[in-house]
C-alpha cells in the first residue's frame, strides 16, 4: 500500500514496481545431446557390423564387397559373389556363396574384355557356356547336311523297292538351309493324282528321310508345289489347297517318324507359282514337296 505522505506536503507517495523473471529449470541443457547420442549409437552399430562382416567372410568375398561399392566395372561372378549381384541372393553365412542359385539379383554384370595369355586363343569358345557365332553354327549345319544326304542315299540304294525313287529325290543347298525335293514325273507321282494321299513307296521314302533328320535339331519348313493344270471347279478344289494339303500330309508323315511338333517352323503351299520347269508350268515335274532343314541361329552352349 502507498506510504503516508510526509507531514506538511502534498506530494504523492512513490510507488516501486519489481519485475521478477522466472527461467525454466535446465533450459540451457536443451535436446542437442540426444542427436549426438543417436549419431554415436549409429556409428557403433556400423562399426560392429563391419567387425561381423570381417569375421564372417573370406578374403575373396571381402574383395568382392569392396569392389561392389567401388565405382569401377567388375565381374561379380569371378570375384566369388555369385550371380550378377551381391552374394547372388544368398546370405553371407550361407555355405554356397557362389551357387547354384547365382543370378538372383537384378544388378547387371558389366565385364571388360581381358586379353592375356591366361585365356588363350580359344578363350570363350568351349562347347558349354559360350555364345557361338552364326557362322560357326552354319558350318556345323553344312557338315551335318552332307552326312545326312549321304546316309539317305545309301539307305535308298540298299532298298530294292525304293531304289527307283532315287531319281525323284534331290538335295539342294540354299541360303536358308538344305532343301530336300521329292519330285514327280510323267511316270510316277508321290501322291494319288489330285489328292493329298501319299503313295506307299513315297510314304516309306518320307519316313526314311524323317528318321535321318530326326537326329538333327534344325527347324523344318515344308512347301507344297503343283503344276498349272487347273481343276474343273476351283471353288471346290484348286492348286492352292492341293499344295497346302500335300505339305501338311508330309508334315504328318514326318511326325509319325518321330519329328517333334516344335521343330516345324513353316508349312505352306505355293500352288504353281514356283515351277522348276519355267518354260512349261504344266510339266508334271513341277509337282513336288520341298522339305527344308533351316540353318540354326547362334545359340548358347550348343
Protein backbone atom coordinates (compact mmCIF):
# COMPACT_ATOMS: atom_id res chain seq x y z
CA UNK A 1 0.00 0.00 0.00
CA UNK A 2 1.29 3.51 -0.63
CA UNK A 3 3.23 5.12 2.15
CA UNK A 4 1.79 8.07 4.04
CA UNK A 5 2.85 11.43 2.62
CA UNK A 6 5.30 13.47 4.71
CA UNK A 7 3.67 15.95 7.08
CA UNK A 8 3.06 19.33 5.62
CA UNK A 9 3.46 18.36 1.92
CA UNK A 10 1.04 17.34 -0.83
CA UNK A 11 3.44 15.16 -2.83
CA UNK A 12 2.05 11.72 -3.67
CA UNK A 13 3.97 8.77 -2.34
CA UNK A 14 6.42 6.94 -4.64
CA UNK A 15 5.31 3.54 -5.94
CA UNK A 16 8.07 0.99 -6.77
CA UNK A 17 7.37 -1.91 -9.18
CA UNK A 18 9.58 -5.01 -9.01
CA UNK A 19 9.69 -7.28 -12.08
CA UNK A 20 10.77 -10.86 -11.50
CA UNK A 21 11.81 -13.09 -14.49
CA UNK A 22 11.40 -16.83 -13.86
CA UNK A 23 13.51 -19.12 -16.12
CA UNK A 24 12.73 -22.81 -16.65
CA UNK A 25 14.97 -25.21 -14.80
CA UNK A 26 17.57 -26.87 -17.09
CA UNK A 27 16.67 -24.73 -20.11
CA UNK A 28 20.34 -24.29 -21.03
CA UNK A 29 20.74 -28.08 -21.50
CA UNK A 30 18.20 -28.44 -24.46
CA UNK A 31 17.93 -31.66 -26.68
CA UNK A 32 21.13 -31.43 -28.70
CA UNK A 33 22.72 -34.19 -26.67
CA UNK A 34 20.08 -36.63 -27.97
CA UNK A 35 21.15 -36.07 -31.59
CA UNK A 36 24.78 -36.53 -30.69
CA UNK A 37 23.98 -39.72 -28.80
CA UNK A 38 21.99 -41.12 -31.75
CA UNK A 39 24.93 -40.42 -34.08
CA UNK A 40 27.23 -42.20 -31.67
CA UNK A 41 24.99 -45.27 -31.46
CA UNK A 42 24.68 -45.41 -35.26
CA UNK A 43 28.43 -45.23 -35.66
CA UNK A 44 28.89 -48.04 -33.13
CA UNK A 45 26.35 -50.23 -34.94
CA UNK A 46 28.17 -49.67 -38.22
CA UNK A 47 31.47 -50.48 -36.53
CA UNK A 48 30.19 -53.76 -35.05
CA UNK A 49 28.59 -54.67 -38.40
CA UNK A 50 31.95 -54.16 -40.07
CA UNK A 51 33.63 -56.37 -37.49
CA UNK A 52 30.99 -59.06 -38.07
CA UNK A 53 31.47 -58.94 -41.84
CA UNK A 54 35.23 -59.24 -41.45
CA UNK A 55 34.79 -62.32 -39.33
CA UNK A 56 32.04 -63.99 -41.38
CA UNK A 57 33.50 -63.65 -44.89
CA UNK A 58 36.56 -64.89 -46.71
CA UNK A 59 39.22 -62.74 -48.28
CA UNK A 60 37.74 -63.33 -51.72
CA UNK A 61 34.30 -62.25 -50.56
CA UNK A 62 35.67 -59.15 -48.86
CA UNK A 63 37.38 -58.21 -52.09
CA UNK A 64 34.06 -58.67 -53.89
CA UNK A 65 32.22 -56.47 -51.36
CA UNK A 66 34.84 -53.74 -51.68
CA UNK A 67 34.64 -53.81 -55.47
CA UNK A 68 30.85 -53.81 -55.30
CA UNK A 69 30.87 -50.39 -53.66
CA UNK A 70 33.74 -49.08 -55.79
CA UNK A 71 32.86 -47.03 -58.93
CA UNK A 72 34.54 -49.48 -61.29
CA UNK A 73 33.47 -52.10 -63.84
CA UNK A 74 33.76 -55.58 -62.37
CA UNK A 75 32.85 -59.18 -62.94
CA UNK A 76 31.00 -60.16 -59.77
CA UNK A 77 30.87 -63.86 -60.63
CA UNK A 78 34.65 -64.15 -60.97
CA UNK A 79 35.04 -62.39 -57.63
CA UNK A 80 33.06 -65.05 -55.84
CA UNK A 81 29.94 -63.08 -55.01
CA UNK A 82 27.68 -65.28 -57.11
CA UNK A 83 25.40 -64.26 -59.92
CA UNK A 84 25.19 -60.69 -61.05
CA UNK A 85 24.59 -59.10 -57.67
CA UNK A 86 25.80 -59.05 -54.12
CA UNK A 87 26.01 -62.71 -52.96
CA UNK A 88 23.69 -63.77 -55.82
CA UNK A 89 20.70 -63.54 -53.48
CA UNK A 90 22.33 -65.57 -50.70
CA UNK A 91 23.34 -64.68 -47.15
CA UNK A 92 26.98 -64.17 -46.23
CA UNK A 93 26.69 -67.06 -43.77
CA UNK A 94 25.49 -69.48 -46.47
CA UNK A 95 27.71 -72.44 -47.34
CA UNK A 96 27.13 -71.80 -51.05
CA UNK A 97 28.33 -68.27 -51.69
CA UNK A 98 28.63 -68.69 -55.47
CA UNK A 99 25.91 -71.17 -56.46
CA UNK A 100 23.84 -72.88 -57.50
CA UNK A 101 21.31 -70.04 -57.35
CA UNK A 102 23.53 -67.34 -58.73
CA UNK A 103 21.91 -64.53 -60.67
CA UNK A 104 19.00 -63.83 -58.30
CA UNK A 105 19.92 -60.17 -58.12
CA UNK A 106 18.78 -57.79 -60.84
CA UNK A 107 22.09 -55.89 -60.85
CA UNK A 108 23.58 -56.20 -64.36
CA UNK A 109 27.12 -57.53 -64.72
CA UNK A 110 29.46 -55.35 -66.76
CA UNK A 111 32.67 -57.13 -67.71
CA UNK A 112 35.57 -55.64 -69.57
CA UNK A 113 37.24 -57.96 -72.06
CA UNK A 114 40.60 -59.20 -70.80
CA UNK A 115 43.15 -60.25 -73.38
CA UNK A 116 46.05 -62.10 -71.85
CA UNK A 117 47.85 -65.39 -72.10
CA UNK A 118 45.74 -66.92 -69.32
CA UNK A 119 42.69 -67.22 -71.56
CA UNK A 120 44.42 -68.48 -74.67
CA UNK A 121 43.31 -68.17 -78.26
CA UNK A 122 40.24 -70.36 -77.68
CA UNK A 123 39.00 -68.38 -74.68
CA UNK A 124 35.18 -68.44 -74.60
CA UNK A 125 34.92 -70.91 -77.48
CA UNK A 126 34.08 -74.02 -75.49
CA UNK A 127 31.05 -76.20 -76.10
CA UNK A 128 29.33 -75.07 -72.90
CA UNK A 129 28.67 -71.61 -71.59
CA UNK A 130 29.73 -69.72 -74.70
CA UNK A 131 27.93 -67.84 -77.44
CA UNK A 132 28.64 -69.47 -80.79
CA UNK A 133 28.56 -67.28 -83.84
CA UNK A 134 26.03 -67.89 -86.63
CA UNK A 135 28.93 -68.63 -88.97
CA UNK A 136 30.21 -71.43 -86.75
CA UNK A 137 26.74 -72.94 -86.37
CA UNK A 138 26.12 -72.72 -90.13
CA UNK A 139 29.42 -74.50 -90.85
CA UNK A 140 28.42 -77.30 -88.49
CA UNK A 141 25.00 -77.49 -90.13
CA UNK A 142 26.57 -77.86 -93.56
CA UNK A 143 28.66 -80.77 -92.35
CA UNK A 144 25.57 -82.38 -90.84
CA UNK A 145 23.62 -81.82 -94.07
CA UNK A 146 26.30 -83.53 -96.15
CA UNK A 147 26.35 -86.51 -93.81
CA UNK A 148 22.54 -86.72 -93.83
CA UNK A 149 22.45 -86.68 -97.64
CA UNK A 150 25.00 -89.48 -97.82
CA UNK A 151 23.10 -91.67 -95.36
CA UNK A 152 19.70 -91.15 -97.04
CA UNK A 153 21.07 -92.04 -100.47
CA UNK A 154 22.80 -95.12 -99.05
CA UNK A 155 19.57 -96.27 -97.41
CA UNK A 156 17.58 -95.74 -100.60
CA UNK A 157 20.18 -97.65 -102.63
CA UNK A 158 20.04 -100.55 -100.18
CA UNK A 159 16.27 -100.95 -100.64
CA UNK A 160 15.28 -102.51 -103.95
CA UNK A 161 11.72 -101.31 -103.56
CA UNK A 162 12.89 -97.73 -103.12
CA UNK A 163 15.91 -97.67 -105.44
CA UNK A 164 13.76 -96.47 -108.33
CA UNK A 165 12.81 -93.39 -106.27
CA UNK A 166 16.41 -92.20 -106.04
CA UNK A 167 15.89 -90.05 -109.13
CA UNK A 168 12.81 -88.49 -107.51
CA UNK A 169 14.74 -87.08 -104.55
CA UNK A 170 17.09 -84.15 -104.84
CA UNK A 171 19.24 -82.34 -102.26
CA UNK A 172 19.78 -78.63 -102.88
CA UNK A 173 21.79 -76.20 -100.73
CA UNK A 174 20.05 -72.83 -100.39
CA UNK A 175 20.59 -69.67 -98.40
CA UNK A 176 18.03 -70.95 -95.87
CA UNK A 177 19.50 -74.43 -95.44
CA UNK A 178 19.35 -77.79 -97.23
CA UNK A 179 16.22 -78.43 -99.29
CA UNK A 180 15.10 -81.98 -99.97
CA UNK A 181 12.86 -82.06 -103.06
CA UNK A 182 10.52 -85.00 -103.62
CA UNK A 183 9.68 -84.62 -107.31
CA UNK A 184 7.05 -86.23 -109.53
CA UNK A 185 7.43 -87.00 -113.19
CA UNK A 186 5.25 -88.29 -116.03
CA UNK A 187 5.62 -91.90 -114.85
CA UNK A 188 5.34 -91.53 -111.09
CA UNK A 189 3.53 -89.31 -108.60
CA UNK A 190 4.26 -89.12 -104.87
CA UNK A 191 0.55 -88.54 -104.21
CA UNK A 192 -2.52 -90.07 -105.76
CA UNK A 193 -3.50 -87.83 -108.64
CA UNK A 194 -5.39 -84.76 -107.48
CA UNK A 195 -5.36 -85.82 -103.80
CA UNK A 196 -3.26 -85.44 -100.64
CA UNK A 197 -2.90 -89.22 -100.15
CA UNK A 198 0.72 -90.42 -100.21
CA UNK A 199 1.63 -93.44 -102.31
CA UNK A 200 3.03 -96.31 -100.18
CA UNK A 201 6.55 -96.05 -101.62
CA UNK A 202 6.56 -92.27 -101.17
CA UNK A 203 5.40 -92.68 -97.58
CA UNK A 204 8.31 -95.08 -96.97
CA UNK A 205 10.72 -92.59 -98.52
CA UNK A 206 9.49 -89.69 -96.38
CA UNK A 207 9.65 -91.91 -93.30
CA UNK A 208 13.27 -92.73 -94.13
CA UNK A 209 14.04 -89.03 -94.51
CA UNK A 210 12.32 -88.40 -91.18
CA UNK A 211 14.47 -90.99 -89.43
CA UNK A 212 17.58 -89.21 -90.68
CA UNK A 213 16.59 -85.63 -89.93
CA UNK A 214 15.29 -86.68 -86.53
CA UNK A 215 18.92 -86.89 -85.40
CA UNK A 216 19.37 -83.16 -86.06
CA UNK A 217 17.90 -80.15 -84.26
CA UNK A 218 17.33 -77.85 -87.23
CA UNK A 219 13.96 -76.17 -87.75
CA UNK A 220 11.95 -77.60 -90.67
CA UNK A 221 10.00 -75.86 -93.41
CA UNK A 222 7.72 -77.77 -95.81
CA UNK A 223 6.35 -76.31 -99.04
CA UNK A 224 3.92 -77.95 -101.42
CA UNK A 225 4.10 -77.26 -105.18
CA UNK A 226 1.78 -78.22 -108.04
CA UNK A 227 1.74 -77.89 -111.80
CA UNK A 228 -0.57 -75.41 -113.50
CA UNK A 229 -3.20 -77.93 -114.60
CA UNK A 230 -6.47 -76.41 -113.32
CA UNK A 231 -9.40 -78.09 -111.59
CA UNK A 232 -12.87 -78.23 -113.08
CA UNK A 233 -14.42 -76.25 -110.21
CA UNK A 234 -11.77 -74.10 -108.46
CA UNK A 235 -14.30 -73.18 -105.78
CA UNK A 236 -14.31 -76.77 -104.51
CA UNK A 237 -10.62 -77.58 -105.02
CA UNK A 238 -7.70 -75.70 -106.53
CA UNK A 239 -3.93 -75.85 -106.70
CA UNK A 240 -3.55 -73.70 -103.61
CA UNK A 241 -5.48 -76.07 -101.37
CA UNK A 242 -3.85 -79.09 -103.01
CA UNK A 243 -0.31 -77.75 -102.46
CA UNK A 244 -1.06 -76.83 -98.86
CA UNK A 245 -2.74 -80.18 -98.16
CA UNK A 246 0.24 -82.11 -99.55
CA UNK A 247 2.63 -80.08 -97.38
CA UNK A 248 0.52 -80.89 -94.33
CA UNK A 249 0.35 -84.58 -95.28
CA UNK A 250 4.15 -84.60 -95.46
CA UNK A 251 4.35 -82.97 -92.03
CA UNK A 252 2.08 -85.65 -90.56
CA UNK A 253 4.27 -88.40 -92.05
CA UNK A 254 7.41 -86.81 -90.59
CA UNK A 255 5.67 -86.53 -87.22
CA UNK A 256 4.95 -90.28 -87.37
CA UNK A 257 8.69 -90.77 -87.90
CA UNK A 258 9.34 -89.06 -84.56
CA UNK A 259 9.88 -85.41 -85.51
CA UNK A 260 8.56 -83.27 -82.60
CA UNK A 261 5.98 -80.60 -83.35
CA UNK A 262 8.20 -77.79 -82.10
CA UNK A 263 10.65 -78.30 -84.97
CA UNK A 264 8.15 -77.45 -87.69
CA UNK A 265 8.79 -73.82 -88.49
CA UNK A 266 6.53 -73.30 -91.52
CA UNK A 267 4.05 -75.35 -93.53
CA UNK A 268 2.80 -73.74 -96.72
CA UNK A 269 1.56 -74.30 -100.25
CA UNK A 270 2.55 -72.11 -103.20
CA UNK A 271 0.49 -73.84 -105.94
CA UNK A 272 2.16 -73.42 -109.35
CA UNK A 273 3.86 -70.10 -108.56
CA UNK A 274 7.40 -71.50 -108.34
CA UNK A 275 7.81 -74.06 -111.15
CA UNK A 276 11.05 -75.95 -111.76
CA UNK A 277 10.33 -76.14 -115.48
CA UNK A 278 9.67 -72.47 -116.05
CA UNK A 279 9.06 -72.90 -119.78
CA UNK A 280 6.22 -75.35 -119.15
CA UNK A 281 4.26 -74.69 -115.93
CA UNK A 282 2.07 -77.70 -116.72
CA UNK A 283 5.02 -80.13 -116.67
CA UNK A 284 4.44 -82.89 -114.06
CA UNK A 285 7.97 -82.34 -112.70
CA UNK A 286 6.69 -79.11 -111.19
CA UNK A 287 4.65 -81.21 -108.77
CA UNK A 288 6.82 -81.66 -105.70
CA UNK A 289 7.13 -81.31 -101.94
CA UNK A 290 10.17 -79.47 -100.57
CA UNK A 291 11.44 -80.31 -97.06
CA UNK A 292 13.99 -77.70 -95.97
CA UNK A 293 16.27 -78.10 -92.97
CA UNK A 294 16.82 -74.50 -91.93
CA UNK A 295 20.05 -73.20 -90.52
CA UNK A 296 20.11 -72.75 -86.79
CA UNK A 297 20.78 -69.37 -85.21
CA UNK A 298 23.81 -68.74 -82.99
CA UNK A 299 22.96 -70.23 -79.58
CA UNK A 300 24.40 -70.67 -76.10
CA UNK A 301 26.04 -73.93 -75.20
CA UNK A 302 25.12 -75.92 -78.29
